[in-house]
Structures are given as C-alpha cells and as structure tokens.
C-alpha cells in the first residue's frame, strides 16, 4: 500500500529523478508515457499504483501494482 502524501508531481527537471526509486500512479496511456520518460531520465521505476486494484499480485508493464490506503 502506498501512502498518498508521498506523491510527487513530475516536472520538466529530469535530474530530480536520477537514481530515485519511483512508483507511477495509474494504469493509463499517460502512466505508460511517464514510465518511459522516467526510465530515459535514469530513474528506477519499481511499480505502479492505482486505486482500483481488485487483487494482490496484479502487474502493469511487468511491474508490481500497488493500491493507495
């Protein structure tokens, strides 16, 4: 479970994400674009978060899918 107060908005400063472990919110096309951009910027995307997770063990882009509290 991911706590909502840990969320950070993506800006145009890719250097803030270099070496960071990131969880992307959502399972949309926008989330997929964010995921690809973060990887290009050197971030380590460790999973995705969505408020509509029906069961444990779901994945998106072969990464774990978490829910918010």
Protein backbone atom coordinates (compact mmCIF):
# COMPACT_ATOMS: atom_id res chain seq x y z
CA UNK A 1 0.00 0.00 0.00
CA UNK A 2 1.27 3.46 -0.92
CA UNK A 3 0.54 6.49 1.24
CA UNK A 4 -0.88 9.39 -0.77
CA UNK A 5 1.23 12.04 0.95
CA UNK A 6 4.36 10.56 -0.64
CA UNK A 7 3.26 11.54 -4.15
CA UNK A 8 5.44 13.91 -6.18
CA UNK A 9 4.42 15.67 -9.38
CA UNK A 10 6.65 15.09 -12.40
CA UNK A 11 8.18 18.33 -13.67
CA UNK A 12 10.44 19.23 -16.55
CA UNK A 13 13.52 18.75 -14.36
CA UNK A 14 14.53 15.15 -15.08
CA UNK A 15 17.60 15.38 -12.85
CA UNK A 16 15.45 15.23 -9.74
CA UNK A 17 14.65 11.59 -10.58
CA UNK A 18 18.11 10.26 -11.38
CA UNK A 19 18.76 7.29 -9.11
CA UNK A 20 15.37 7.59 -7.39
CA UNK A 21 13.03 4.63 -6.88
CA UNK A 22 9.65 5.65 -8.27
CA UNK A 23 6.10 4.29 -8.26
CA UNK A 24 3.98 5.70 -11.11
CA UNK A 25 0.31 6.42 -10.37
CA UNK A 26 -2.26 4.94 -12.73
CA UNK A 27 -2.57 2.33 -15.48
CA UNK A 28 -3.30 4.65 -18.38
CA UNK A 29 -1.51 5.69 -21.55
CA UNK A 30 -0.25 8.75 -19.64
CA UNK A 31 1.20 6.49 -16.95
CA UNK A 32 2.93 4.46 -19.63
CA UNK A 33 4.45 7.62 -21.14
CA UNK A 34 5.58 8.76 -17.68
CA UNK A 35 7.13 5.35 -17.07
CA UNK A 36 9.12 5.50 -20.31
CA UNK A 37 10.25 9.10 -19.65
CA UNK A 38 11.38 8.26 -16.13
CA UNK A 39 13.42 5.33 -17.40
CA UNK A 40 15.04 7.59 -20.00
CA UNK A 41 15.87 10.09 -17.23
CA UNK A 42 17.69 7.42 -15.22
CA UNK A 43 15.01 6.76 -12.60
CA UNK A 44 14.29 3.27 -11.31
CA UNK A 45 10.56 2.60 -11.64
CA UNK A 46 9.70 -0.11 -9.12
CA UNK A 47 5.95 -0.36 -9.75
CA UNK A 48 2.63 1.31 -10.42
CA UNK A 49 -0.10 2.48 -8.05
CA UNK A 50 -3.82 2.51 -8.74
CA UNK A 51 -6.86 2.94 -6.54
CA UNK A 52 -8.73 0.18 -8.40
CA UNK A 53 -6.69 -2.93 -7.70
CA UNK A 54 -9.00 -5.92 -7.40
CA UNK A 55 -6.49 -8.48 -6.24
CA UNK A 56 -2.97 -8.77 -4.95
CA UNK A 57 -0.33 -9.79 -7.45
CA UNK A 58 -1.59 -7.76 -10.40
CA UNK A 59 1.04 -6.26 -12.70
CA UNK A 60 1.35 -3.48 -15.27
CA UNK A 61 4.32 -3.38 -17.69
CA UNK A 62 5.61 -6.46 -15.83
CA UNK A 63 5.97 -4.44 -12.59
CA UNK A 64 4.01 -4.81 -9.33
CA UNK A 65 0.75 -2.93 -8.96
CA UNK A 66 0.02 -1.31 -5.60
CA UNK A 67 -3.04 0.38 -4.16
CA UNK A 68 -3.40 3.53 -2.06
CA UNK A 69 -4.55 3.47 1.53
